[in-house]
Amino acid sequence: MVLGGIIIAVLMVLVLPVAIFVGGAIWSALLGYLLVEDAEERLRDAPI
């Protein structure tokens, strides 16, 4: 019983924050890529 609680506590302290940071990094990279593509496309279509 106690071992299960320790395992859950370790997962919450060590694994969950890392997963949140990795998820945020992936989200930021994807959003940045999409926004750069959109900006380049708008610039290409803009009159000079």
C-alpha atoms as a PDB file:
ATOM      1  CA  MET A   1       0.000   0.000   0.000  1.00  0.00           C
ATOM      2  CA  VAL A   2       2.721   2.461   0.951  1.00  0.00           C
ATOM      3  CA  LEU A   3       4.810   1.527  -2.080  1.00  0.00           C
ATOM      4  CA  GLY A   4       1.967   2.498  -4.411  1.00  0.00           C
ATOM      5  CA  GLY A   5       1.730   5.926  -2.806  1.00  0.00           C
ATOM      6  CA  ILE A   6       5.474   6.416  -3.106  1.00  0.00           C
ATOM      7  CA  ILE A   7       5.406   5.434  -6.771  1.00  0.00           C
ATOM      8  CA  ILE A   8       2.546   7.857  -7.473  1.00  0.00           C
ATOM      9  CA  ALA A   9       4.354  10.655  -5.624  1.00  0.00           C
ATOM     10  CA  VAL A  10       7.570  10.028  -7.573  1.00  0.00           C
ATOM     11  CA  LEU A  11       5.655  10.019 -10.854  1.00  0.00           C
ATOM     12  CA  MET A  12       3.925  13.271  -9.969  1.00  0.00           C
ATOM     13  CA  VAL A  13       7.188  14.964  -8.977  1.00  0.00           C
ATOM     14  CA  LEU A  14       9.548  13.618 -11.662  1.00  0.00           C
ATOM     15  CA  VAL A  15       7.545  12.475 -14.693  1.00  0.00           C
ATOM     16  CA  LEU A  16       4.590  14.843 -14.850  1.00  0.00           C
ATOM     17  CA  PRO A  17       6.567  18.118 -14.986  1.00  0.00           C
ATOM     18  CA  VAL A  18       8.868  16.706 -17.668  1.00  0.00           C
ATOM     19  CA  ALA A  19       5.853  15.590 -19.695  1.00  0.00           C
ATOM     20  CA  ILE A  20       4.315  19.053 -19.387  1.00  0.00           C
ATOM     21  CA  PHE A  21       7.564  20.735 -20.504  1.00  0.00           C
ATOM     22  CA  VAL A  22       7.974  18.370 -23.458  1.00  0.00           C
ATOM     23  CA  GLY A  23       4.351  18.887 -24.463  1.00  0.00           C
ATOM     24  CA  GLY A  24       4.830  22.643 -24.275  1.00  0.00           C
ATOM     25  CA  ALA A  25       7.992  22.474 -26.358  1.00  0.00           C
ATOM     26  CA  ILE A  26       6.264  20.402 -29.036  1.00  0.00           C
ATOM     27  CA  TRP A  27       3.262  22.766 -29.034  1.00  0.00           C
ATOM     28  CA  SER A  28       5.521  25.836 -29.316  1.00  0.00           C
ATOM     29  CA  ALA A  29       7.530  24.316 -32.154  1.00  0.00           C
ATOM     30  CA  LEU A  30       4.394  23.342 -34.083  1.00  0.00           C
ATOM     31  CA  LEU A  31       2.719  26.711 -33.563  1.00  0.00           C
ATOM     32  CA  GLY A  32       5.895  28.578 -34.507  1.00  0.00           C
ATOM     33  CA  TYR A  33       6.291  26.521 -37.672  1.00  0.00           C
ATOM     34  CA  LEU A  34       2.686  27.110 -38.709  1.00  0.00           C
ATOM     35  CA  LEU A  35       2.858  30.845 -38.005  1.00  0.00           C
ATOM     36  CA  VAL A  36       6.090  31.240 -39.979  1.00  0.00           C
ATOM     37  CA  GLU A  37       4.578  29.375 -42.918  1.00  0.00           C
ATOM     38  CA  ASP A  38       1.498  31.612 -42.790  1.00  0.00           C
ATOM     39  CA  ALA A  39       3.602  34.777 -42.597  1.00  0.00           C
ATOM     40  CA  GLU A  40       5.751  33.724 -45.542  1.00  0.00           C
ATOM     41  CA  GLU A  41       2.663  32.907 -47.599  1.00  0.00           C
ATOM     42  CA  ARG A  42       1.080  36.273 -46.804  1.00  0.00           C
ATOM     43  CA  LEU A  43       4.316  38.060 -47.704  1.00  0.00           C
ATOM     44  CA  ARG A  44       4.534  36.155 -50.996  1.00  0.00           C
ATOM     45  CA  ASP A  45       0.974  37.194 -51.920  1.00  0.00           C
ATOM     46  CA  ALA A  46       1.363  40.825 -50.832  1.00  0.00           C
ATOM     47  CA  PRO A  47       1.684  43.505 -53.499  1.00  0.00           C
ATOM     48  CA  ILE A  48       5.086  45.148 -53.604  1.00  0.00           C
END
